[in-house]
Amino acid sequence: MAKADRNASLEHEMDEIRERLAGTIDQLLYRASPKTIAQRQIAAVKAVYVDVRTGQPRTDNIAKTVGGVVGAVTLIVVLRRLTAK
């Protein structure tokens, strides 16, 4: 009888482990899906420009980005004019 109880206990433990592994695999598949990755990246970018708690735009980060873009465009224009001469 003890051997049968031990076998039943082992089978039960194996079933529990199998269920946990199935759940882990499901989580990994969800986290690795391209759609989920894209959603996480979009949320990360939005968090830089919009305050998550209030929903208000973060003007400091927006101004930094605009300044960087304007500076890069200005640099390109100046370099093109210098090399065109």
PDB file of N, CA and C in Angstrom:
ATOM      1  N   MET A   1       0.811  -1.184   0.000  1.00  0.00           N
ATOM      2  CA  MET A   1       0.000   0.000   0.000  1.00  0.00           C
ATOM      3  C   MET A   1       0.861   1.257   0.000  1.00  0.00           C
ATOM      4  N   ALA A   2       1.991   1.221   0.695  1.00  0.00           N
ATOM      5  CA  ALA A   2       2.856   2.398   0.782  1.00  0.00           C
ATOM      6  C   ALA A   2       3.413   2.745  -0.589  1.00  0.00           C
ATOM      7  N   LYS A   3       3.718   1.702  -1.384  1.00  0.00           N
ATOM      8  CA  LYS A   3       4.258   1.956  -2.722  1.00  0.00           C
ATOM      9  C   LYS A   3       3.196   2.621  -3.605  1.00  0.00           C
ATOM     10  N   ALA A   4       1.966   2.202  -3.485  1.00  0.00           N
ATOM     11  CA  ALA A   4       0.879   2.787  -4.274  1.00  0.00           C
ATOM     12  C   ALA A   4       0.650   4.245  -3.863  1.00  0.00           C
ATOM     13  N   ASP A   5       0.729   4.514  -2.554  1.00  0.00           N
ATOM     14  CA  ASP A   5       0.590   5.894  -2.079  1.00  0.00           C
ATOM     15  C   ASP A   5       1.733   6.755  -2.599  1.00  0.00           C
ATOM     16  N   ARG A   6       2.925   6.188  -2.583  1.00  0.00           N
ATOM     17  CA  ARG A   6       4.099   6.931  -3.059  1.00  0.00           C
ATOM     18  C   ARG A   6       3.977   7.223  -4.552  1.00  0.00           C
ATOM     19  N   ASN A   7       3.522   6.233  -5.314  1.00  0.00           N
ATOM     20  CA  ASN A   7       3.339   6.433  -6.753  1.00  0.00           C
ATOM     21  C   ASN A   7       2.272   7.500  -7.026  1.00  0.00           C
ATOM     22  N   ALA A   8       1.192   7.455  -6.272  1.00  0.00           N
ATOM     23  CA  ALA A   8       0.125   8.442  -6.445  1.00  0.00           C
ATOM     24  C   ALA A   8       0.634   9.840  -6.090  1.00  0.00           C
ATOM     25  N   SER A   9       1.445   9.900  -5.039  1.00  0.00           N
ATOM     26  CA  SER A   9       2.015  11.181  -4.635  1.00  0.00           C
ATOM     27  C   SER A   9       2.947  11.719  -5.715  1.00  0.00           C
ATOM     28  N   LEU A  10       3.777  10.859  -6.285  1.00  0.00           N
ATOM     29  CA  LEU A  10       4.693  11.267  -7.354  1.00  0.00           C
ATOM     30  C   LEU A  10       3.910  11.718  -8.590  1.00  0.00           C
ATOM     31  N   GLU A  11       2.866  10.999  -8.934  1.00  0.00           N
ATOM     32  CA  GLU A  11       2.047  11.385 -10.085  1.00  0.00           C
ATOM     33  C   GLU A  11       1.391  12.751  -9.855  1.00  0.00           C
ATOM     34  N   HIS A  12       0.900  12.959  -8.641  1.00  0.00           N
ATOM     35  CA  HIS A  12       0.281  14.236  -8.305  1.00  0.00           C
ATOM     36  C   HIS A  12       1.314  15.367  -8.402  1.00  0.00           C
ATOM     37  N   GLU A  13       2.503  15.131  -7.870  1.00  0.00           N
ATOM     38  CA  GLU A  13       3.570  16.134  -7.928  1.00  0.00           C
ATOM     39  C   GLU A  13       3.970  16.426  -9.382  1.00  0.00           C
ATOM     40  N   MET A  14       4.045  15.389 -10.203  1.00  0.00           N
ATOM     41  CA  MET A  14       4.394  15.571 -11.614  1.00  0.00           C
ATOM     42  C   MET A  14       3.310  16.383 -12.330  1.00  0.00           C
ATOM     43  N   ASP A  15       2.050  16.125 -11.994  1.00  0.00           N
ATOM     44  CA  ASP A  15       0.956  16.889 -12.591  1.00  0.00           C
ATOM     45  C   ASP A  15       1.039  18.373 -12.211  1.00  0.00           C
ATOM     46  N   GLU A  16       1.373  18.648 -10.946  1.00  0.00           N
ATOM     47  CA  GLU A  16       1.523  20.032 -10.501  1.00  0.00           C
ATOM     48  C   GLU A  16       2.674  20.723 -11.237  1.00  0.00           C
ATOM     49  N   ILE A  17       3.791  20.035 -11.379  1.00  0.00           N
ATOM     50  CA  ILE A  17       4.945  20.595 -12.079  1.00  0.00           C
ATOM     51  C   ILE A  17       4.590  20.848 -13.545  1.00  0.00           C
ATOM     52  N   ARG A  18       3.885  19.919 -14.152  1.00  0.00           N
ATOM     53  CA  ARG A  18       3.472  20.075 -15.549  1.00  0.00           C
ATOM     54  C   ARG A  18       2.578  21.300 -15.718  1.00  0.00           C
ATOM     55  N   GLU A  19       1.667  21.518 -14.776  1.00  0.00           N
ATOM     56  CA  GLU A  19       0.781  22.682 -14.825  1.00  0.00           C
ATOM     57  C   GLU A  19       1.572  23.981 -14.675  1.00  0.00           C
ATOM     58  N   ARG A  20       2.522  24.005 -13.744  1.00  0.00           N
ATOM     59  CA  ARG A  20       3.344  25.208 -13.565  1.00  0.00           C
ATOM     60  C   ARG A  20       4.161  25.494 -14.820  1.00  0.00           C
ATOM     61  N   LEU A  21       4.735  24.464 -15.413  1.00  0.00           N
ATOM     62  CA  LEU A  21       5.518  24.647 -16.636  1.00  0.00           C
ATOM     63  C   LEU A  21       4.647  25.150 -17.778  1.00  0.00           C
ATOM     64  N   ALA A  22       3.442  24.628 -17.884  1.00  0.00           N
ATOM     65  CA  ALA A  22       2.529  25.086 -18.936  1.00  0.00           C
ATOM     66  C   ALA A  22       2.202  26.562 -18.737  1.00  0.00           C
ATOM     67  N   GLY A  23       1.980  26.964 -17.498  1.00  0.00           N
ATOM     68  CA  GLY A  23       1.709  28.374 -17.208  1.00  0.00           C
ATOM     69  C   GLY A  23       2.907  29.253 -17.531  1.00  0.00           C
ATOM     70  N   THR A  24       4.090  28.780 -17.199  1.00  0.00           N
ATOM     71  CA  THR A  24       5.307  29.538 -17.488  1.00  0.00           C
ATOM     72  C   THR A  24       5.518  29.678 -18.985  1.00  0.00           C
ATOM     73  N   ILE A  25       5.286  28.621 -19.712  1.00  0.00           N
ATOM     74  CA  ILE A  25       5.437  28.667 -21.175  1.00  0.00           C
ATOM     75  C   ILE A  25       4.425  29.629 -21.776  1.00  0.00           C
ATOM     76  N   ASP A  26       3.195  29.611 -21.277  1.00  0.00           N
ATOM     77  CA  ASP A  26       2.172  30.543 -21.768  1.00  0.00           C
ATOM     78  C   ASP A  26       2.587  31.991 -21.517  1.00  0.00           C
ATOM     79  N   GLN A  27       3.143  32.259 -20.330  1.00  0.00           N
ATOM     80  CA  GLN A  27       3.603  33.604 -20.012  1.00  0.00           C
ATOM     81  C   GLN A  27       4.739  34.024 -20.938  1.00  0.00           C
ATOM     82  N   LEU A  28       5.678  33.135 -21.182  1.00  0.00           N
ATOM     83  CA  LEU A  28       6.802  33.443 -22.071  1.00  0.00           C
ATOM     84  C   LEU A  28       6.324  33.711 -23.494  1.00  0.00           C
ATOM     85  N   LEU A  29       5.393  32.910 -23.969  1.00  0.00           N
ATOM     86  CA  LEU A  29       4.860  33.127 -25.311  1.00  0.00           C
ATOM     87  C   LEU A  29       4.166  34.477 -25.413  1.00  0.00           C
ATOM     88  N   TYR A  30       3.423  34.840 -24.383  1.00  0.00           N
ATOM     89  CA  TYR A  30       2.737  36.135 -24.383  1.00  0.00           C
ATOM     90  C   TYR A  30       3.743  37.280 -24.375  1.00  0.00           C
ATOM     91  N   ARG A  31       4.738  37.199 -23.484  1.00  0.00           N
ATOM     92  CA  ARG A  31       5.719  38.280 -23.360  1.00  0.00           C
ATOM     93  C   ARG A  31       6.606  38.401 -24.584  1.00  0.00           C
ATOM     94  N   ALA A  32       6.814  37.313 -25.319  1.00  0.00           N
ATOM     95  CA  ALA A  32       7.709  37.340 -26.475  1.00  0.00           C
ATOM     96  C   ALA A  32       6.983  37.606 -27.785  1.00  0.00           C
ATOM     97  N   SER A  33       5.663  37.736 -27.739  1.00  0.00           N
ATOM     98  CA  SER A  33       4.937  37.971 -28.993  1.00  0.00           C
ATOM     99  C   SER A  33       5.230  39.375 -29.502  1.00  0.00           C
ATOM    100  N   PRO A  34       5.379  39.545 -30.795  1.00  0.00           N
ATOM    101  CA  PRO A  34       5.696  40.869 -31.354  1.00  0.00           C
ATOM    102  C   PRO A  34       4.675  41.943 -30.978  1.00  0.00           C
ATOM    103  N   LYS A  35       3.412  41.576 -30.914  1.00  0.00           N
ATOM    104  CA  LYS A  35       2.375  42.547 -30.565  1.00  0.00           C
ATOM    105  C   LYS A  35       2.573  43.055 -29.133  1.00  0.00           C
ATOM    106  N   THR A  36       2.875  42.164 -28.213  1.00  0.00           N
ATOM    107  CA  THR A  36       3.091  42.554 -26.825  1.00  0.00           C
ATOM    108  C   THR A  36       4.344  43.413 -26.696  1.00  0.00           C
ATOM    109  N   ILE A  37       5.402  43.040 -27.401  1.00  0.00           N
ATOM    110  CA  ILE A  37       6.637  43.821 -27.359  1.00  0.00           C
ATOM    111  C   ILE A  37       6.381  45.222 -27.893  1.00  0.00           C
ATOM    112  N   ALA A  38       5.651  45.337 -28.995  1.00  0.00           N
ATOM    113  CA  ALA A  38       5.340  46.647 -29.571  1.00  0.00           C
ATOM    114  C   ALA A  38       4.519  47.483 -28.592  1.00  0.00           C
ATOM    115  N   GLN A  39       3.550  46.875 -27.934  1.00  0.00           N
ATOM    116  CA  GLN A  39       2.727  47.606 -26.966  1.00  0.00           C
ATOM    117  C   GLN A  39       3.572  48.114 -25.801  1.00  0.00           C
ATOM    118  N   ARG A  40       4.511  47.297 -25.338  1.00  0.00           N
ATOM    119  CA  ARG A  40       5.388  47.732 -24.243  1.00  0.00           C
ATOM    120  C   ARG A  40       6.256  48.904 -24.673  1.00  0.00           C
ATOM    121  N   GLN A  41       6.788  48.839 -25.894  1.00  0.00           N
ATOM    122  CA  GLN A  41       7.649  49.921 -26.383  1.00  0.00           C
ATOM    123  C   GLN A  41       6.856  51.210 -26.571  1.00  0.00           C
ATOM    124  N   ILE A  42       5.644  51.100 -27.087  1.00  0.00           N
ATOM    125  CA  ILE A  42       4.791  52.290 -27.249  1.00  0.00           C
ATOM    126  C   ILE A  42       4.494  52.902 -25.885  1.00  0.00           C
ATOM    127  N   ALA A  43       4.192  52.078 -24.914  1.00  0.00           N
ATOM    128  CA  ALA A  43       3.914  52.582 -23.566  1.00  0.00           C
ATOM    129  C   ALA A  43       5.149  53.254 -22.974  1.00  0.00           C
ATOM    130  N   ALA A  44       6.331  52.705 -23.241  1.00  0.00           N
ATOM    131  CA  ALA A  44       7.565  53.302 -22.719  1.00  0.00           C
ATOM    132  C   ALA A  44       7.812  54.668 -23.341  1.00  0.00           C
ATOM    133  N   VAL A  45       7.589  54.792 -24.641  1.00  0.00           N
ATOM    134  CA  VAL A  45       7.789  56.081 -25.313  1.00  0.00           C
ATOM    135  C   VAL A  45       6.755  57.096 -24.825  1.00  0.00           C
ATOM    136  N   LYS A  46       5.512  56.661 -24.697  1.00  0.00           N
ATOM    137  CA  LYS A  46       4.472  57.561 -24.197  1.00  0.00           C
ATOM    138  C   LYS A  46       4.798  58.043 -22.789  1.00  0.00           C
ATOM    139  N   ALA A  47       5.374  57.180 -21.972  1.00  0.00           N
ATOM    140  CA  ALA A  47       5.706  57.550 -20.596  1.00  0.00           C
ATOM    141  C   ALA A  47       6.758  58.654 -20.561  1.00  0.00           C
ATOM    142  N   VAL A  48       7.590  58.746 -21.591  1.00  0.00           N
ATOM    143  CA  VAL A  48       8.595  59.805 -21.644  1.00  0.00           C
ATOM    144  C   VAL A  48       7.932  61.154 -21.908  1.00  0.00           C
ATOM    145  N   TYR A  49       6.893  61.177 -22.721  1.00  0.00           N
ATOM    146  CA  TYR A  49       6.282  62.438 -23.152  1.00  0.00           C
ATOM    147  C   TYR A  49       4.967  62.780 -22.459  1.00  0.00           C
ATOM    148  N   VAL A  50       4.387  61.832 -21.729  1.00  0.00           N
ATOM    149  CA  VAL A  50       3.128  62.079 -21.017  1.00  0.00           C
ATOM    150  C   VAL A  50       3.265  61.544 -19.596  1.00  0.00           C
ATOM    151  N   ASP A  51       2.895  62.374 -18.616  1.00  0.00           N
ATOM    152  CA  ASP A  51       2.939  61.946 -17.225  1.00  0.00           C
ATOM    153  C   ASP A  51       1.882  60.865 -17.014  1.00  0.00           C
ATOM    154  N   VAL A  52       2.312  59.708 -16.555  1.00  0.00           N
ATOM    155  CA  VAL A  52       1.424  58.552 -16.428  1.00  0.00           C
ATOM    156  C   VAL A  52       0.323  58.815 -15.404  1.00  0.00           C
ATOM    157  N   ARG A  53       0.651  59.487 -14.314  1.00  0.00           N
ATOM    158  CA  ARG A  53      -0.339  59.719 -13.256  1.00  0.00           C
ATOM    159  C   ARG A  53      -1.399  60.747 -13.644  1.00  0.00           C
ATOM    160  N   THR A  54      -0.965  61.852 -14.254  1.00  0.00           N
ATOM    161  CA  THR A  54      -1.908  62.939 -14.532  1.00  0.00           C
ATOM    162  C   THR A  54      -2.412  62.960 -15.966  1.00  0.00           C
ATOM    163  N   GLY A  55      -1.669  62.370 -16.883  1.00  0.00           N
ATOM    164  CA  GLY A  55      -2.048  62.399 -18.288  1.00  0.00           C
ATOM    165  C   GLY A  55      -1.650  63.688 -18.990  1.00  0.00           C
ATOM    166  N   GLN A  56      -0.950  64.565 -18.281  1.00  0.00           N
ATOM    167  CA  GLN A  56      -0.507  65.838 -18.838  1.00  0.00           C
ATOM    168  C   GLN A  56       0.791  65.650 -19.627  1.00  0.00           C
ATOM    169  N   PRO A  57       0.964  66.425 -20.701  1.00  0.00           N
ATOM    170  CA  PRO A  57       2.215  66.328 -21.462  1.00  0.00           C
ATOM    171  C   PRO A  57       3.406  66.796 -20.621  1.00  0.00           C
ATOM    172  N   ARG A  58       4.527  66.140 -20.819  1.00  0.00           N
ATOM    173  CA  ARG A  58       5.755  66.513 -20.110  1.00  0.00           C
ATOM    174  C   ARG A  58       6.539  67.460 -21.022  1.00  0.00           C
ATOM    175  N   THR A  59       6.284  68.742 -20.850  1.00  0.00           N
ATOM    176  CA  THR A  59       6.836  69.748 -21.755  1.00  0.00           C
ATOM    177  C   THR A  59       8.357  69.789 -21.726  1.00  0.00           C
ATOM    178  N   ASP A  60       8.965  69.439 -20.601  1.00  0.00           N
ATOM    179  CA  ASP A  60      10.423  69.455 -20.547  1.00  0.00           C
ATOM    180  C   ASP A  60      11.020  68.434 -21.517  1.00  0.00           C
ATOM    181  N   ASN A  61      10.483  67.241 -21.534  1.00  0.00           N
ATOM    182  CA  ASN A  61      10.996  66.212 -22.455  1.00  0.00           C
ATOM    183  C   ASN A  61      10.631  66.525 -23.910  1.00  0.00           C
ATOM    184  N   ILE A  62       9.454  67.082 -24.106  1.00  0.00           N
ATOM    185  CA  ILE A  62       9.043  67.456 -25.461  1.00  0.00           C
ATOM    186  C   ILE A  62       9.977  68.542 -25.992  1.00  0.00           C
ATOM    187  N   ALA A  63      10.281  69.537 -25.155  1.00  0.00           N
ATOM    188  CA  ALA A  63      11.167  70.626 -25.568  1.00  0.00           C
ATOM    189  C   ALA A  63      12.572  70.096 -25.883  1.00  0.00           C
ATOM    190  N   LYS A  64      13.063  69.170 -25.089  1.00  0.00           N
ATOM    191  CA  LYS A  64      14.385  68.586 -25.350  1.00  0.00           C
ATOM    192  C   LYS A  64      14.411  67.870 -26.702  1.00  0.00           C
ATOM    193  N   THR A  65      13.371  67.114 -26.990  1.00  0.00           N
ATOM    194  CA  THR A  65      13.317  66.381 -28.255  1.00  0.00           C
ATOM    195  C   THR A  65      13.225  67.345 -29.437  1.00  0.00           C
ATOM    196  N   VAL A  66      12.350  68.337 -29.324  1.00  0.00           N
ATOM    197  CA  VAL A  66      12.199  69.317 -30.406  1.00  0.00           C
ATOM    198  C   VAL A  66      13.515  70.059 -30.612  1.00  0.00           C
ATOM    199  N   GLY A  67      14.160  70.436 -29.534  1.00  0.00           N
ATOM    200  CA  GLY A  67      15.447  71.118 -29.636  1.00  0.00           C
ATOM    201  C   GLY A  67      16.496  70.264 -30.322  1.00  0.00           C
ATOM    202  N   GLY A  68      16.519  68.995 -30.004  1.00  0.00           N
ATOM    203  CA  GLY A  68      17.468  68.086 -30.647  1.00  0.00           C
ATOM    204  C   GLY A  68      17.207  67.937 -32.130  1.00  0.00           C
ATOM    205  N   VAL A  69      15.942  67.818 -32.493  1.00  0.00           N
ATOM    206  CA  VAL A  69      15.585  67.672 -33.914  1.00  0.00           C
ATOM    207  C   VAL A  69      15.923  68.954 -34.674  1.00  0.00           C
ATOM    208  N   VAL A  70      15.568  70.105 -34.103  1.00  0.00           N
ATOM    209  CA  VAL A  70      15.870  71.382 -34.758  1.00  0.00           C
ATOM    210  C   VAL A  70      17.381  71.550 -34.895  1.00  0.00           C
ATOM    211  N   GLY A  71      18.125  71.201 -33.865  1.00  0.00           N
ATOM    212  CA  GLY A  71      19.580  71.300 -33.925  1.00  0.00           C
ATOM    213  C   GLY A  71      20.164  70.395 -34.998  1.00  0.00           C
ATOM    214  N   ALA A  72      19.666  69.178 -35.103  1.00  0.00           N
ATOM    215  CA  ALA A  72      20.169  68.244 -36.111  1.00  0.00           C
ATOM    216  C   ALA A  72      19.856  68.735 -37.520  1.00  0.00           C
ATOM    217  N   VAL A  73      18.647  69.223 -37.727  1.00  0.00           N
ATOM    218  CA  VAL A  73      18.267  69.736 -39.050  1.00  0.00           C
ATOM    219  C   VAL A  73      19.119  70.951 -39.401  1.00  0.00           C
ATOM    220  N   THR A  74      19.322  71.838 -38.436  1.00  0.00           N
ATOM    221  CA  THR A  74      20.152  73.021 -38.670  1.00  0.00           C
ATOM    222  C   THR A  74      21.578  72.620 -39.032  1.00  0.00           C
ATOM    223  N   LEU A  75      22.125  71.657 -38.330  1.00  0.00           N
ATOM    224  CA  LEU A  75      23.476  71.173 -38.620  1.00  0.00           C
ATOM    225  C   LEU A  75      23.563  70.609 -40.034  1.00  0.00           C
ATOM    226  N   ILE A  76      22.583  69.842 -40.434  1.00  0.00           N
ATOM    227  CA  ILE A  76      22.577  69.260 -41.787  1.00  0.00           C
ATOM    228  C   ILE A  76      22.511  70.358 -42.838  1.00  0.00           C
ATOM    229  N   VAL A  77      21.645  71.351 -42.622  1.00  0.00           N
ATOM    230  CA  VAL A  77      21.520  72.451 -43.579  1.00  0.00           C
ATOM    231  C   VAL A  77      22.828  73.223 -43.691  1.00  0.00           C
ATOM    232  N   VAL A  78      23.442  73.527 -42.559  1.00  0.00           N
ATOM    233  CA  VAL A  78      24.706  74.273 -42.565  1.00  0.00           C
ATOM    234  C   VAL A  78      25.795  73.471 -43.263  1.00  0.00           C
ATOM    235  N   LEU A  79      25.900  72.206 -42.965  1.00  0.00           N
ATOM    236  CA  LEU A  79      26.920  71.378 -43.606  1.00  0.00           C
ATOM    237  C   LEU A  79      26.706  71.268 -45.111  1.00  0.00           C
ATOM    238  N   ARG A  80      25.475  71.180 -45.532  1.00  0.00           N
ATOM    239  CA  ARG A  80      25.200  71.110 -46.986  1.00  0.00           C
ATOM    240  C   ARG A  80      25.583  72.413 -47.667  1.00  0.00           C
ATOM    241  N   ARG A  81      25.303  73.521 -47.030  1.00  0.00           N
ATOM    242  CA  ARG A  81      25.651  74.812 -47.626  1.00  0.00           C
ATOM    243  C   ARG A  81      27.168  74.998 -47.678  1.00  0.00           C
ATOM    244  N   LEU A  82      27.873  74.522 -46.654  1.00  0.00           N
ATOM    245  CA  LEU A  82      29.328  74.652 -46.655  1.00  0.00           C
ATOM    246  C   LEU A  82      29.979  73.766 -47.714  1.00  0.00           C
ATOM    247  N   THR A  83      29.441  72.582 -47.904  1.00  0.00           N
ATOM    248  CA  THR A  83      30.028  71.668 -48.879  1.00  0.00           C
ATOM    249  C   THR A  83      29.606  72.001 -50.314  1.00  0.00           C
ATOM    250  N   ALA A  84      28.516  72.757 -50.461  1.00  0.00           N
ATOM    251  CA  ALA A  84      28.044  73.118 -51.800  1.00  0.00           C
ATOM    252  C   ALA A  84      28.884  74.232 -52.402  1.00  0.00           C
ATOM    253  N   LYS A  85      29.608  74.979 -51.620  1.00  0.00           N
ATOM    254  CA  LYS A  85      30.386  76.109 -52.117  1.00  0.00           C
ATOM    255  C   LYS A  85      31.670  75.678 -52.749  1.00  0.00           C
TER     256      LYS A  85
END
